[in-house]
Amino acid sequence: MKNLVDKVIELDYDDVEQYSFPLDEPFGLEVNYKGIKYCLIIRLSSNNKNLICCGPGAHGRTVKTSEGKYKKPPFIHRWSWFKYFDESFIAYADPIFFYDERITLGWLVGDKNQWYLETLSEIIKKICKNQNIYTNNILFYSSSGGGFTSIGLGALIKGSKVLVNNSQMNVMNYHEFHIDHLFRILYREFPGLTKNQIINKIGHRLDMVKLFRKEKYVPPITYYVNVESDDDLYNHCIPFINDIKKLPYFNNDLIIHFYREIKDSTHGPLPVQQSVEIIREFVKSYLYNKEENESNELKNNLLK
């Protein structure tokens, strides 16, 4: 991470909640938990109690630096987006890239000992307690595989909001290339089990609807889908709608925006500036608003 930010802080898991983090400047955070290294780039605001978190998607292992060398993990997508927002900001990596040289997309599925997404959710909770950020002031945003982890974090951190673009909803419905690489690792982690047995064992890590069933909870999700992307529309969006409507604890928590964007890669997210504007509008509408909060506080004081 030192190639991305000047300061990198290394902490044990138990020290995160009490650490005195720098404010209003980006820094890297490396947290070790049971032998697994979690890497985040963070910018904490001194005057804004919202938090925006972005997750990683696929990353090719043949991508090279400007010097012609292969890029090394951690791969932290959208890490520089902190500059677009006044809110506190976190971008996180998938630890699996440290432990396998061929994996291209891991969805923070983890290994036999640890579900990486669950551990990451606990790290984020500790950071929020450290900064007095309430869970209903958290927005998880990303696209594709990062969208999948955003929804998962929204399910694990109750009260937070989720905003995704062309997200996977079920890992097993995505491209075989990425699934085969993931299961090459999972077969090693769960020796002797078939693919179906592994899916049955850790299905909540692979399918968002199964996670909702496990948690008995559906987070508020705003979901942007490009209708030009057949994969997103027919393999993820429509099956997700059919499955989620059967859940007894689904209470109108899903808003879907269909749009048409014709380009070479229709699965790709909306342009950066448009995505940033969507996030800003979402934050203004659904998260903590300083002016509104001060106005309500004044009204409460007058009533008292």
C-alpha atoms as a PDB file:
ATOM      1  CA  MET A   1       0.000   0.000   0.000  1.00  0.00           C
ATOM      2  CA  LYS A   2       2.982   2.288   0.362  1.00  0.00           C
ATOM      3  CA  ASN A   3       2.885   2.809  -3.383  1.00  0.00           C
ATOM      4  CA  LEU A   4      -0.600   4.320  -2.956  1.00  0.00           C
ATOM      5  CA  VAL A   5      -0.448   6.305   0.300  1.00  0.00           C
ATOM      6  CA  ASP A   6       2.392   7.756   2.373  1.00  0.00           C
ATOM      7  CA  LYS A   7       1.325   6.333   5.726  1.00  0.00           C
ATOM      8  CA  VAL A   8       0.532   2.667   6.454  1.00  0.00           C
ATOM      9  CA  ILE A   9      -0.553   1.585   9.937  1.00  0.00           C
ATOM     10  CA  GLU A  10      -0.150  -2.051  10.973  1.00  0.00           C
ATOM     11  CA  LEU A  11      -2.409  -3.207  13.816  1.00  0.00           C
ATOM     12  CA  ASP A  12      -3.577  -6.357  15.505  1.00  0.00           C
ATOM     13  CA  TYR A  13      -7.295  -6.974  15.255  1.00  0.00           C
ATOM     14  CA  ASP A  14      -7.909  -6.246  18.946  1.00  0.00           C
ATOM     15  CA  ASP A  15      -6.198  -2.835  18.761  1.00  0.00           C
ATOM     16  CA  VAL A  16      -8.341  -1.274  16.007  1.00  0.00           C
ATOM     17  CA  GLU A  17     -11.144   0.059  18.185  1.00  0.00           C
ATOM     18  CA  GLN A  18      -8.887   2.054  20.525  1.00  0.00           C
ATOM     19  CA  TYR A  19      -6.228   3.303  18.106  1.00  0.00           C
ATOM     20  CA  SER A  20      -5.813   7.056  17.508  1.00  0.00           C
ATOM     21  CA  PHE A  21      -6.177   7.294  13.731  1.00  0.00           C
ATOM     22  CA  PRO A  22      -5.180  10.400  11.739  1.00  0.00           C
ATOM     23  CA  LEU A  23      -8.033  12.546  10.459  1.00  0.00           C
ATOM     24  CA  ASP A  24      -8.633  14.250   7.107  1.00  0.00           C
ATOM     25  CA  GLU A  25      -5.784  12.463   5.333  1.00  0.00           C
ATOM     26  CA  PRO A  26      -5.605   9.110   3.541  1.00  0.00           C
ATOM     27  CA  PHE A  27      -3.687   6.244   5.116  1.00  0.00           C
ATOM     28  CA  GLY A  28      -3.355   2.507   4.719  1.00  0.00           C
ATOM     29  CA  LEU A  29      -4.456   0.085   7.426  1.00  0.00           C
ATOM     30  CA  GLU A  30      -3.177  -3.472   7.630  1.00  0.00           C
ATOM     31  CA  VAL A  31      -4.925  -5.704  10.147  1.00  0.00           C
ATOM     32  CA  ASN A  32      -3.754  -9.218  10.913  1.00  0.00           C
ATOM     33  CA  TYR A  33      -6.359 -11.684  12.121  1.00  0.00           C
ATOM     34  CA  LYS A  34      -5.613 -15.384  12.625  1.00  0.00           C
ATOM     35  CA  GLY A  35      -2.868 -15.339  10.021  1.00  0.00           C
ATOM     36  CA  ILE A  36      -4.833 -13.440   7.362  1.00  0.00           C
ATOM     37  CA  LYS A  37      -3.859  -9.925   6.281  1.00  0.00           C
ATOM     38  CA  TYR A  38      -6.645  -7.385   5.668  1.00  0.00           C
ATOM     39  CA  CYS A  39      -5.708  -4.204   3.803  1.00  0.00           C
ATOM     40  CA  LEU A  40      -7.771  -1.022   3.636  1.00  0.00           C
ATOM     41  CA  ILE A  41      -7.180   2.544   2.489  1.00  0.00           C
ATOM     42  CA  ILE A  42      -9.021   4.990   4.730  1.00  0.00           C
ATOM     43  CA  ARG A  43      -9.700   8.699   5.000  1.00  0.00           C
ATOM     44  CA  LEU A  44     -11.549   9.652   8.189  1.00  0.00           C
ATOM     45  CA  SER A  45     -13.409  12.954   8.316  1.00  0.00           C
ATOM     46  CA  SER A  46     -13.161  15.167  11.371  1.00  0.00           C
ATOM     47  CA  ASN A  47     -16.549  16.798  10.724  1.00  0.00           C
ATOM     48  CA  ASN A  48     -18.741  14.291   8.852  1.00  0.00           C
ATOM     49  CA  LYS A  49     -20.335  11.234  10.466  1.00  0.00           C
ATOM     50  CA  ASN A  50     -21.125   9.380   7.253  1.00  0.00           C
ATOM     51  CA  LEU A  51     -18.983   6.530   5.952  1.00  0.00           C
ATOM     52  CA  ILE A  52     -18.716   5.335   2.336  1.00  0.00           C
ATOM     53  CA  CYS A  53     -17.095   1.922   1.724  1.00  0.00           C
ATOM     54  CA  CYS A  54     -16.000   0.556  -1.666  1.00  0.00           C
ATOM     55  CA  GLY A  55     -15.109  -3.038  -2.502  1.00  0.00           C
ATOM     56  CA  PRO A  56     -12.912  -4.755  -5.108  1.00  0.00           C
ATOM     57  CA  GLY A  57     -13.955  -6.528  -8.292  1.00  0.00           C
ATOM     58  CA  ALA A  58     -11.979  -8.795 -10.601  1.00  0.00           C
ATOM     59  CA  HIS A  59      -8.274  -8.178 -11.114  1.00  0.00           C
ATOM     60  CA  GLY A  60      -6.161  -9.727 -13.845  1.00  0.00           C
ATOM     61  CA  ARG A  61      -2.895 -11.236 -12.645  1.00  0.00           C
ATOM     62  CA  THR A  62      -1.013 -10.127 -15.768  1.00  0.00           C
ATOM     63  CA  VAL A  63      -1.613  -6.403 -15.154  1.00  0.00           C
ATOM     64  CA  LYS A  64       1.709  -4.529 -15.100  1.00  0.00           C
ATOM     65  CA  THR A  65       2.958  -1.305 -13.581  1.00  0.00           C
ATOM     66  CA  SER A  66       4.366   1.568 -15.662  1.00  0.00           C
ATOM     67  CA  GLU A  67       7.795   0.010 -15.023  1.00  0.00           C
ATOM     68  CA  GLY A  68       6.677  -3.224 -16.685  1.00  0.00           C
ATOM     69  CA  LYS A  69       6.462  -5.284 -13.479  1.00  0.00           C
ATOM     70  CA  TYR A  70       3.442  -7.357 -12.512  1.00  0.00           C
ATOM     71  CA  LYS A  71       1.254  -5.584  -9.981  1.00  0.00           C
ATOM     72  CA  LYS A  72       1.271  -7.167  -6.545  1.00  0.00           C
ATOM     73  CA  PRO A  73      -1.546  -7.339  -3.992  1.00  0.00           C
ATOM     74  CA  PRO A  74      -3.283  -5.821  -2.217  1.00  0.00           C
ATOM     75  CA  PHE A  75      -5.557  -4.735  -5.069  1.00  0.00           C
ATOM     76  CA  ILE A  76      -7.708  -1.902  -3.733  1.00  0.00           C
ATOM     77  CA  HIS A  77     -10.126  -0.571  -6.316  1.00  0.00           C
ATOM     78  CA  ARG A  78     -11.512   2.981  -6.159  1.00  0.00           C
ATOM     79  CA  TRP A  79      -9.143   3.787  -3.299  1.00  0.00           C
ATOM     80  CA  SER A  80      -8.570   7.318  -4.624  1.00  0.00           C
ATOM     81  CA  TRP A  81     -12.293   8.146  -4.608  1.00  0.00           C
ATOM     82  CA  PHE A  82     -11.939   9.623  -1.132  1.00  0.00           C
ATOM     83  CA  LYS A  83     -11.084  12.893  -2.897  1.00  0.00           C
ATOM     84  CA  TYR A  84     -14.651  13.115  -4.262  1.00  0.00           C
ATOM     85  CA  PHE A  85     -16.388  13.053  -0.872  1.00  0.00           C
ATOM     86  CA  ASP A  86     -16.551  14.956   2.411  1.00  0.00           C
ATOM     87  CA  GLU A  87     -17.609  11.752   4.168  1.00  0.00           C
ATOM     88  CA  SER A  88     -15.233   9.288   5.782  1.00  0.00           C
ATOM     89  CA  PHE A  89     -14.138   6.731   3.207  1.00  0.00           C
ATOM     90  CA  ILE A  90     -12.852   3.145   3.154  1.00  0.00           C
ATOM     91  CA  ALA A  91     -11.719   1.014   0.223  1.00  0.00           C
ATOM     92  CA  TYR A  92     -10.800  -2.580   1.028  1.00  0.00           C
ATOM     93  CA  ALA A  93      -8.955  -5.439  -0.663  1.00  0.00           C
ATOM     94  CA  ASP A  94      -9.699  -9.170  -0.838  1.00  0.00           C
ATOM     95  CA  PRO A  95      -7.023 -11.049   1.173  1.00  0.00           C
ATOM     96  CA  ILE A  96      -7.245 -14.099  -1.117  1.00  0.00           C
ATOM     97  CA  PHE A  97      -4.922 -12.423  -3.628  1.00  0.00           C
ATOM     98  CA  PHE A  98      -2.055 -12.686  -1.136  1.00  0.00           C
ATOM     99  CA  TYR A  99      -2.419 -16.441  -0.858  1.00  0.00           C
ATOM    100  CA  ASP A 100      -2.979 -17.544  -4.446  1.00  0.00           C
ATOM    101  CA  GLU A 101      -1.123 -16.274  -7.505  1.00  0.00           C
ATOM    102  CA  ARG A 102      -3.799 -17.206 -10.056  1.00  0.00           C
ATOM    103  CA  ILE A 103      -7.056 -16.113  -8.432  1.00  0.00           C
ATOM    104  CA  THR A 104      -8.806 -13.313 -10.345  1.00  0.00           C
ATOM    105  CA  LEU A 105     -11.929 -12.743  -8.252  1.00  0.00           C
ATOM    106  CA  GLY A 106     -12.530 -14.000  -4.721  1.00  0.00           C
ATOM    107  CA  TRP A 107     -15.710 -12.299  -3.446  1.00  0.00           C
ATOM    108  CA  LEU A 108     -14.062 -12.443   0.039  1.00  0.00           C
ATOM    109  CA  VAL A 109     -15.346 -16.044   0.264  1.00  0.00           C
ATOM    110  CA  GLY A 110     -12.339 -16.951   2.414  1.00  0.00           C
ATOM    111  CA  ASP A 111     -11.032 -20.357   3.468  1.00  0.00           C
ATOM    112  CA  LYS A 112     -12.058 -23.272   5.714  1.00  0.00           C
ATOM    113  CA  ASN A 113     -11.058 -21.391   8.876  1.00  0.00           C
ATOM    114  CA  GLN A 114     -12.314 -17.915   8.118  1.00  0.00           C
ATOM    115  CA  TRP A 115     -14.962 -16.123   6.084  1.00  0.00           C
ATOM    116  CA  TYR A 116     -13.052 -13.027   5.014  1.00  0.00           C
ATOM    117  CA  LEU A 117     -16.179 -10.928   4.515  1.00  0.00           C
ATOM    118  CA  GLU A 118     -17.355 -11.591   8.068  1.00  0.00           C
ATOM    119  CA  THR A 119     -13.964 -10.660   9.541  1.00  0.00           C
ATOM    120  CA  LEU A 120     -13.878  -7.510   7.402  1.00  0.00           C
ATOM    121  CA  SER A 121     -17.336  -6.546   8.697  1.00  0.00           C
ATOM    122  CA  GLU A 122     -16.017  -6.776  12.263  1.00  0.00           C
ATOM    123  CA  ILE A 123     -13.002  -4.609  11.383  1.00  0.00           C
ATOM    124  CA  ILE A 124     -15.306  -1.985   9.854  1.00  0.00           C
ATOM    125  CA  LYS A 125     -17.502  -2.086  12.979  1.00  0.00           C
ATOM    126  CA  LYS A 126     -14.437  -1.449  15.131  1.00  0.00           C
ATOM    127  CA  ILE A 127     -13.419   1.529  12.971  1.00  0.00           C
ATOM    128  CA  CYS A 128     -16.963   2.907  13.252  1.00  0.00           C
ATOM    129  CA  LYS A 129     -16.951   2.547  17.045  1.00  0.00           C
ATOM    130  CA  ASN A 130     -13.580   4.272  17.076  1.00  0.00           C
ATOM    131  CA  GLN A 131     -15.053   7.222  15.156  1.00  0.00           C
ATOM    132  CA  ASN A 132     -18.566   7.233  16.677  1.00  0.00           C
ATOM    133  CA  ILE A 133     -20.135   6.443  13.303  1.00  0.00           C
ATOM    134  CA  TYR A 134     -23.552   4.782  13.586  1.00  0.00           C
ATOM    135  CA  THR A 135     -24.343   1.839  11.322  1.00  0.00           C
ATOM    136  CA  ASN A 136     -27.266   3.659   9.692  1.00  0.00           C
ATOM    137  CA  ASN A 137     -24.761   6.249   8.492  1.00  0.00           C
ATOM    138  CA  ILE A 138     -22.791   3.683   6.472  1.00  0.00           C
ATOM    139  CA  LEU A 139     -23.112   3.210   2.705  1.00  0.00           C
ATOM    140  CA  PHE A 140     -21.569   0.210   0.945  1.00  0.00           C
ATOM    141  CA  TYR A 141     -21.039   0.934  -2.738  1.00  0.00           C
ATOM    142  CA  SER A 142     -19.442  -0.955  -5.594  1.00  0.00           C
ATOM    143  CA  SER A 143     -20.026  -2.830  -8.832  1.00  0.00           C
ATOM    144  CA  SER A 144     -19.687  -6.427 -10.066  1.00  0.00           C
ATOM    145  CA  GLY A 145     -17.825  -8.565  -7.486  1.00  0.00           C
ATOM    146  CA  GLY A 146     -17.448  -5.527  -5.243  1.00  0.00           C
ATOM    147  CA  GLY A 147     -21.202  -5.112  -5.395  1.00  0.00           C
ATOM    148  CA  PHE A 148     -21.578  -8.679  -4.128  1.00  0.00           C
ATOM    149  CA  THR A 149     -19.383  -7.956  -1.094  1.00  0.00           C
ATOM    150  CA  SER A 150     -21.180  -4.639  -0.534  1.00  0.00           C
ATOM    151  CA  ILE A 151     -24.516  -6.436  -0.236  1.00  0.00           C
ATOM    152  CA  GLY A 152     -22.962  -9.021   2.061  1.00  0.00           C
ATOM    153  CA  LEU A 153     -21.561  -6.327   4.335  1.00  0.00           C
ATOM    154  CA  GLY A 154     -24.953  -4.638   4.351  1.00  0.00           C
ATOM    155  CA  ALA A 155     -26.492  -7.886   5.573  1.00  0.00           C
ATOM    156  CA  LEU A 156     -23.848  -8.354   8.281  1.00  0.00           C
ATOM    157  CA  ILE A 157     -23.816  -4.730   9.493  1.00  0.00           C
ATOM    158  CA  LYS A 158     -27.483  -4.161  10.243  1.00  0.00           C
ATOM    159  CA  GLY A 159     -28.834  -0.694   9.528  1.00  0.00           C
ATOM    160  CA  SER A 160     -26.311   0.187   6.834  1.00  0.00           C
ATOM    161  CA  LYS A 161     -27.333   0.937   3.244  1.00  0.00           C
ATOM    162  CA  VAL A 162     -26.220  -0.664  -0.018  1.00  0.00           C
ATOM    163  CA  LEU A 163     -25.825   0.886  -3.468  1.00  0.00           C
ATOM    164  CA  VAL A 164     -24.591  -1.389  -6.272  1.00  0.00           C
ATOM    165  CA  ASN A 165     -24.128  -1.375 -10.028  1.00  0.00           C
ATOM    166  CA  ASN A 166     -24.264  -4.534 -12.178  1.00  0.00           C
ATOM    167  CA  SER A 167     -23.544  -6.619  -9.112  1.00  0.00           C
ATOM    168  CA  GLN A 168     -23.285 -10.372  -8.884  1.00  0.00           C
ATOM    169  CA  MET A 169     -25.949 -11.814  -6.613  1.00  0.00           C
ATOM    170  CA  ASN A 170     -24.956 -15.465  -6.789  1.00  0.00           C
ATOM    171  CA  VAL A 171     -21.308 -16.374  -7.404  1.00  0.00           C
ATOM    172  CA  MET A 172     -22.342 -19.600  -9.128  1.00  0.00           C
ATOM    173  CA  ASN A 173     -24.181 -17.638 -11.827  1.00  0.00           C
ATOM    174  CA  TYR A 174     -21.050 -15.746 -12.916  1.00  0.00           C
ATOM    175  CA  HIS A 175     -18.407 -16.608 -15.520  1.00  0.00           C
ATOM    176  CA  GLU A 176     -16.946 -20.125 -15.283  1.00  0.00           C
ATOM    177  CA  PHE A 177     -13.393 -18.760 -15.573  1.00  0.00           C
ATOM    178  CA  HIS A 178     -13.653 -16.947 -12.236  1.00  0.00           C
ATOM    179  CA  ILE A 179     -15.652 -19.741 -10.559  1.00  0.00           C
ATOM    180  CA  ASP A 180     -13.133 -22.408 -11.615  1.00  0.00           C
ATOM    181  CA  HIS A 181     -10.261 -20.427 -10.100  1.00  0.00           C
ATOM    182  CA  LEU A 182     -12.205 -19.963  -6.861  1.00  0.00           C
ATOM    183  CA  PHE A 183     -13.114 -23.636  -6.582  1.00  0.00           C
ATOM    184  CA  ARG A 184      -9.551 -24.694  -7.308  1.00  0.00           C
ATOM    185  CA  ILE A 185      -8.823 -23.043  -3.947  1.00  0.00           C
ATOM    186  CA  LEU A 186     -11.974 -24.303  -2.226  1.00  0.00           C
ATOM    187  CA  TYR A 187     -11.250 -27.920  -3.211  1.00  0.00           C
ATOM    188  CA  ARG A 188      -7.894 -27.485  -1.497  1.00  0.00           C
ATOM    189  CA  GLU A 189      -9.511 -25.933   1.577  1.00  0.00           C
ATOM    190  CA  PHE A 190     -12.238 -28.570   1.841  1.00  0.00           C
ATOM    191  CA  PRO A 191     -10.474 -31.783   0.754  1.00  0.00           C
ATOM    192  CA  GLY A 192     -12.692 -34.685  -0.224  1.00  0.00           C
ATOM    193  CA  LEU A 193     -15.808 -32.563  -0.772  1.00  0.00           C
ATOM    194  CA  THR A 194     -17.539 -32.225  -4.131  1.00  0.00           C
ATOM    195  CA  LYS A 195     -18.558 -28.857  -5.551  1.00  0.00           C
ATOM    196  CA  ASN A 196     -22.160 -29.374  -4.430  1.00  0.00           C
ATOM    197  CA  GLN A 197     -21.032 -30.357  -0.947  1.00  0.00           C
ATOM    198  CA  ILE A 198     -18.915 -27.204  -0.682  1.00  0.00           C
ATOM    199  CA  ILE A 199     -21.840 -25.094  -1.911  1.00  0.00           C
ATOM    200  CA  ASN A 200     -24.091 -26.674   0.715  1.00  0.00           C
ATOM    201  CA  LYS A 201     -21.480 -26.065   3.416  1.00  0.00           C
ATOM    202  CA  ILE A 202     -20.754 -22.389   2.671  1.00  0.00           C
ATOM    203  CA  GLY A 203     -23.723 -21.409   0.512  1.00  0.00           C
ATOM    204  CA  HIS A 204     -24.284 -18.177   2.471  1.00  0.00           C
ATOM    205  CA  ARG A 205     -20.843 -17.011   1.319  1.00  0.00           C
ATOM    206  CA  LEU A 206     -21.734 -17.606  -2.334  1.00  0.00           C
ATOM    207  CA  ASP A 207     -25.373 -16.544  -2.657  1.00  0.00           C
ATOM    208  CA  MET A 208     -26.832 -13.346  -1.225  1.00  0.00           C
ATOM    209  CA  VAL A 209     -30.333 -14.776  -0.820  1.00  0.00           C
ATOM    210  CA  LYS A 210     -28.919 -17.659   1.251  1.00  0.00           C
ATOM    211  CA  LEU A 211     -27.110 -15.083   3.391  1.00  0.00           C
ATOM    212  CA  PHE A 212     -30.372 -13.175   3.895  1.00  0.00           C
ATOM    213  CA  ARG A 213     -32.022 -16.419   5.012  1.00  0.00           C
ATOM    214  CA  LYS A 214     -29.187 -17.108   7.436  1.00  0.00           C
ATOM    215  CA  GLU A 215     -29.330 -13.582   8.885  1.00  0.00           C
ATOM    216  CA  LYS A 216     -33.141 -13.352   8.657  1.00  0.00           C
ATOM    217  CA  TYR A 217     -32.548  -9.863   7.322  1.00  0.00           C
ATOM    218  CA  VAL A 218     -32.460  -8.002   3.999  1.00  0.00           C
ATOM    219  CA  PRO A 219     -30.496  -4.729   3.920  1.00  0.00           C
ATOM    220  CA  PRO A 220     -31.857  -1.702   2.035  1.00  0.00           C
ATOM    221  CA  ILE A 221     -30.483  -2.139  -1.500  1.00  0.00           C
ATOM    222  CA  THR A 222     -30.462   0.314  -4.404  1.00  0.00           C
ATOM    223  CA  TYR A 223     -29.445  -1.624  -7.513  1.00  0.00           C
ATOM    224  CA  TYR A 224     -28.445  -0.124 -10.897  1.00  0.00           C
ATOM    225  CA  VAL A 225     -28.624  -2.581 -13.810  1.00  0.00           C
ATOM    226  CA  ASN A 226     -27.627  -2.032 -17.428  1.00  0.00           C
ATOM    227  CA  VAL A 227     -30.337  -3.689 -19.533  1.00  0.00           C
ATOM    228  CA  GLU A 228     -27.780  -4.092 -22.339  1.00  0.00           C
ATOM    229  CA  SER A 229     -25.854  -6.574 -20.174  1.00  0.00           C
ATOM    230  CA  ASP A 230     -27.621  -9.926 -20.634  1.00  0.00           C
ATOM    231  CA  ASP A 231     -25.453 -11.538 -17.960  1.00  0.00           C
ATOM    232  CA  ASP A 232     -26.429  -8.986 -15.328  1.00  0.00           C
ATOM    233  CA  LEU A 233     -30.067  -8.928 -16.337  1.00  0.00           C
ATOM    234  CA  TYR A 234     -30.813 -12.630 -16.807  1.00  0.00           C
ATOM    235  CA  ASN A 235     -28.241 -14.367 -14.564  1.00  0.00           C
ATOM    236  CA  HIS A 236     -28.355 -12.037 -11.580  1.00  0.00           C
ATOM    237  CA  CYS A 237     -31.080  -9.398 -11.504  1.00  0.00           C
ATOM    238  CA  ILE A 238     -34.122 -11.451 -12.535  1.00  0.00           C
ATOM    239  CA  PRO A 239     -33.209 -14.570 -10.488  1.00  0.00           C
ATOM    240  CA  PHE A 240     -32.516 -12.278  -7.517  1.00  0.00           C
ATOM    241  CA  ILE A 241     -35.966 -10.696  -7.806  1.00  0.00           C
ATOM    242  CA  ASN A 242     -37.621 -14.118  -8.049  1.00  0.00           C
ATOM    243  CA  ASP A 243     -35.765 -15.385  -4.968  1.00  0.00           C
ATOM    244  CA  ILE A 244     -35.958 -12.334  -2.732  1.00  0.00           C
ATOM    245  CA  LYS A 245     -39.717 -11.920  -3.065  1.00  0.00           C
ATOM    246  CA  LYS A 246     -40.158 -15.305  -1.345  1.00  0.00           C
ATOM    247  CA  LEU A 247     -38.388 -14.170   1.831  1.00  0.00           C
ATOM    248  CA  PRO A 248     -40.788 -13.397   4.708  1.00  0.00           C
ATOM    249  CA  TYR A 249     -38.505 -10.637   6.051  1.00  0.00           C
ATOM    250  CA  PHE A 250     -38.208  -8.774   2.740  1.00  0.00           C
ATOM    251  CA  ASN A 251     -39.994  -5.461   3.365  1.00  0.00           C
ATOM    252  CA  ASN A 252     -39.733  -3.298   0.264  1.00  0.00           C
ATOM    253  CA  ASP A 253     -35.996  -2.844   0.814  1.00  0.00           C
ATOM    254  CA  LEU A 254     -35.070  -3.146  -2.875  1.00  0.00           C
ATOM    255  CA  ILE A 255     -35.027  -0.302  -5.419  1.00  0.00           C
ATOM    256  CA  ILE A 256     -33.897  -1.194  -8.946  1.00  0.00           C
ATOM    257  CA  HIS A 257     -32.880   1.381 -11.562  1.00  0.00           C
ATOM    258  CA  PHE A 258     -32.753  -0.036 -15.068  1.00  0.00           C
ATOM    259  CA  TYR A 259     -30.723   2.000 -17.541  1.00  0.00           C
ATOM    260  CA  ARG A 260     -29.331   1.523 -21.039  1.00  0.00           C
ATOM    261  CA  GLU A 261     -25.645   2.079 -21.734  1.00  0.00           C
ATOM    262  CA  ILE A 262     -24.300   0.720 -25.011  1.00  0.00           C
ATOM    263  CA  LYS A 263     -20.555   0.107 -24.936  1.00  0.00           C
ATOM    264  CA  ASP A 264     -18.020  -2.637 -25.585  1.00  0.00           C
ATOM    265  CA  SER A 265     -18.246  -4.024 -22.047  1.00  0.00           C
ATOM    266  CA  THR A 266     -21.880  -3.648 -21.025  1.00  0.00           C
ATOM    267  CA  HIS A 267     -21.142  -5.227 -17.632  1.00  0.00           C
ATOM    268  CA  GLY A 268     -18.795  -2.371 -16.730  1.00  0.00           C
ATOM    269  CA  PRO A 269     -20.026   0.224 -14.229  1.00  0.00           C
ATOM    270  CA  LEU A 270     -21.384   3.654 -15.038  1.00  0.00           C
ATOM    271  CA  PRO A 271     -18.740   6.342 -15.714  1.00  0.00           C
ATOM    272  CA  VAL A 272     -16.875   7.575 -12.640  1.00  0.00           C
ATOM    273  CA  GLN A 273     -18.391  11.048 -12.551  1.00  0.00           C
ATOM    274  CA  GLN A 274     -21.917   9.696 -12.944  1.00  0.00           C
ATOM    275  CA  SER A 275     -21.285   7.094 -10.229  1.00  0.00           C
ATOM    276  CA  VAL A 276     -19.942   9.773  -7.897  1.00  0.00           C
ATOM    277  CA  GLU A 277     -23.014  11.944  -8.468  1.00  0.00           C
ATOM    278  CA  ILE A 278     -25.313   8.997  -7.759  1.00  0.00           C
ATOM    279  CA  ILE A 279     -23.460   8.323  -4.495  1.00  0.00           C
ATOM    280  CA  ARG A 280     -23.601  11.986  -3.480  1.00  0.00           C
ATOM    281  CA  GLU A 281     -27.352  12.147  -4.099  1.00  0.00           C
ATOM    282  CA  PHE A 282     -27.865   8.897  -2.206  1.00  0.00           C
ATOM    283  CA  VAL A 283     -25.883  10.179   0.785  1.00  0.00           C
ATOM    284  CA  LYS A 284     -27.852  13.418   0.780  1.00  0.00           C
ATOM    285  CA  SER A 285     -31.165  11.533   0.748  1.00  0.00           C
ATOM    286  CA  TYR A 286     -30.519   8.561   3.012  1.00  0.00           C
ATOM    287  CA  LEU A 287     -27.578   9.160   5.344  1.00  0.00           C
ATOM    288  CA  TYR A 288     -26.746  11.589   8.143  1.00  0.00           C
ATOM    289  CA  ASN A 289     -27.241  15.215   7.106  1.00  0.00           C
ATOM    290  CA  LYS A 290     -25.402  17.783   9.232  1.00  0.00           C
ATOM    291  CA  GLU A 291     -27.689  20.743   8.503  1.00  0.00           C
ATOM    292  CA  GLU A 292     -30.829  18.683   9.014  1.00  0.00           C
ATOM    293  CA  ASN A 293     -29.452  17.211  12.233  1.00  0.00           C
ATOM    294  CA  GLU A 294     -28.551  20.665  13.614  1.00  0.00           C
ATOM    295  CA  SER A 295     -32.012  21.944  12.699  1.00  0.00           C
ATOM    296  CA  ASN A 296     -33.681  19.017  14.484  1.00  0.00           C
ATOM    297  CA  GLU A 297     -31.428  19.535  17.499  1.00  0.00           C
ATOM    298  CA  LEU A 298     -32.431  23.206  17.654  1.00  0.00           C
ATOM    299  CA  LYS A 299     -36.135  22.246  17.450  1.00  0.00           C
ATOM    300  CA  ASN A 300     -35.679  19.709  20.241  1.00  0.00           C
ATOM    301  CA  ASN A 301     -33.959  22.289  22.432  1.00  0.00           C
ATOM    302  CA  LEU A 302     -36.764  24.782  21.813  1.00  0.00           C
ATOM    303  CA  LEU A 303     -39.360  22.149  22.683  1.00  0.00           C
ATOM    304  CA  LYS A 304     -37.505  21.381  25.898  1.00  0.00           C
END
